[in-house]
Amino acid sequence: MSNPPQTVTCGRRAADVFRMMLQTTAFAAARSRAHGPTAALWHAVELHRPPAEVDSACELTVCGSLARVTPEQPWPLQAPDVCPACAALAR
């Protein structure tokens, strides 16, 4: 006969508010390459690290394509060739 598993319980205490982190969402502009009949578009990339660390790197965009980040370009861009999916998702 085996003993039932013991549960681990901590003493009564408030939620771990001191371990919570504040996460802000920042976006950078990225330019995709023209591929066949598809034109190059501006995309949004969600940043999880400082923009200096993604300088001209290829990143996965909000819409799921790959594009080269251009940190000096602000997002949202006021350009005619902006990816409509990124524009809608990165509001």
Protein backbone atom coordinates (compact mmCIF):
# COMPACT_ATOMS: atom_id res chain seq x y z
CA MET A 1 0.00 0.00 0.00
CA SER A 2 1.52 3.30 -1.08
CA ASN A 3 1.03 6.63 0.58
CA PRO A 4 -0.88 9.30 -1.36
CA PRO A 5 1.33 12.04 -2.79
CA GLN A 6 1.86 15.01 -0.53
CA THR A 7 1.09 18.47 -1.85
CA VAL A 8 3.46 21.33 -1.37
CA THR A 9 1.78 24.34 0.14
CA CYS A 10 3.31 27.58 1.23
CA GLY A 11 2.12 29.59 4.14
CA ARG A 12 -0.58 32.16 3.55
CA ARG A 13 0.93 35.18 1.86
CA ALA A 14 -0.03 37.85 -0.60
CA ALA A 15 0.56 37.51 -4.30
CA ASP A 16 4.14 37.85 -5.43
CA VAL A 17 3.78 41.50 -6.40
CA PHE A 18 7.46 42.17 -5.93
CA ARG A 19 8.43 39.70 -8.64
CA MET A 20 6.07 41.08 -11.24
CA MET A 21 7.70 42.85 -14.13
CA LEU A 22 6.37 45.65 -16.20
CA GLN A 23 6.58 44.78 -19.86
CA THR A 24 6.02 47.40 -22.47
CA THR A 25 5.57 46.65 -26.12
CA ALA A 26 7.83 48.51 -28.49
CA PHE A 27 7.87 48.10 -32.22
CA ALA A 28 10.55 48.80 -34.80
CA ALA A 29 10.19 49.17 -38.53
CA ALA A 30 11.66 46.50 -40.79
CA ARG A 31 11.98 46.34 -44.56
CA SER A 32 11.33 43.08 -46.39
CA ARG A 33 12.96 42.16 -49.66
CA ALA A 34 11.09 42.05 -52.92
CA HIS A 35 10.44 38.41 -53.80
CA GLY A 36 9.28 37.62 -57.31
CA PRO A 37 6.13 39.63 -58.01
CA THR A 38 5.87 40.68 -54.35
CA ALA A 39 7.03 44.21 -53.61
CA ALA A 40 9.21 45.10 -50.64
CA LEU A 41 7.07 46.27 -47.71
CA TRP A 42 7.60 47.91 -44.34
CA HIS A 43 6.74 45.58 -41.46
CA ALA A 44 6.53 45.86 -37.68
CA VAL A 45 8.86 43.90 -35.40
CA GLU A 46 8.06 43.54 -31.71
CA LEU A 47 11.18 44.31 -29.71
CA HIS A 48 12.07 42.35 -26.59
CA ARG A 49 15.55 43.84 -26.30
CA PRO A 50 17.10 47.28 -26.83
CA PRO A 51 16.96 48.55 -30.44
CA ALA A 52 20.76 48.82 -30.52
CA GLU A 53 20.96 45.04 -30.27
CA VAL A 54 18.84 44.47 -33.39
CA ASP A 55 20.70 46.90 -35.65
CA SER A 56 20.06 45.74 -39.23
CA ALA A 57 19.34 42.19 -38.14
CA CYS A 58 16.69 40.03 -39.80
CA GLU A 59 13.81 39.42 -37.43
CA LEU A 60 10.44 37.74 -37.50
CA THR A 61 7.79 40.39 -38.08
CA VAL A 62 4.37 40.71 -36.47
CA CYS A 63 2.73 39.20 -39.57
CA GLY A 64 5.19 36.27 -39.66
CA SER A 65 7.57 37.21 -42.46
CA LEU A 66 11.28 37.92 -42.17
CA ALA A 67 12.53 41.47 -42.60
CA ARG A 68 15.63 43.51 -41.83
CA VAL A 69 15.13 45.85 -38.87
CA THR A 70 15.79 49.53 -39.42
CA PRO A 71 15.95 51.00 -35.89
CA GLU A 72 16.20 54.59 -37.11
CA GLN A 73 12.72 54.30 -38.68
CA PRO A 74 9.88 54.90 -36.22
CA TRP A 75 6.81 52.67 -36.16
CA PRO A 76 4.10 53.26 -37.29
CA LEU A 77 5.37 54.47 -40.61
CA GLN A 78 3.48 56.92 -42.72
CA ALA A 79 4.30 55.30 -46.06
CA PRO A 80 2.20 53.80 -48.86
CA ASP A 81 4.05 50.47 -48.80
CA VAL A 82 3.28 49.32 -45.23
CA CYS A 83 2.19 45.72 -44.66
CA PRO A 84 -1.55 45.84 -43.95
CA ALA A 85 -1.37 42.89 -41.52
CA CYS A 86 1.43 44.51 -39.49
CA ALA A 87 -0.41 47.83 -39.47
CA ALA A 88 -3.50 46.16 -38.04
CA LEU A 89 -1.67 43.93 -35.52
CA ALA A 90 0.85 46.48 -34.22
CA ARG A 91 -1.54 49.15 -33.01
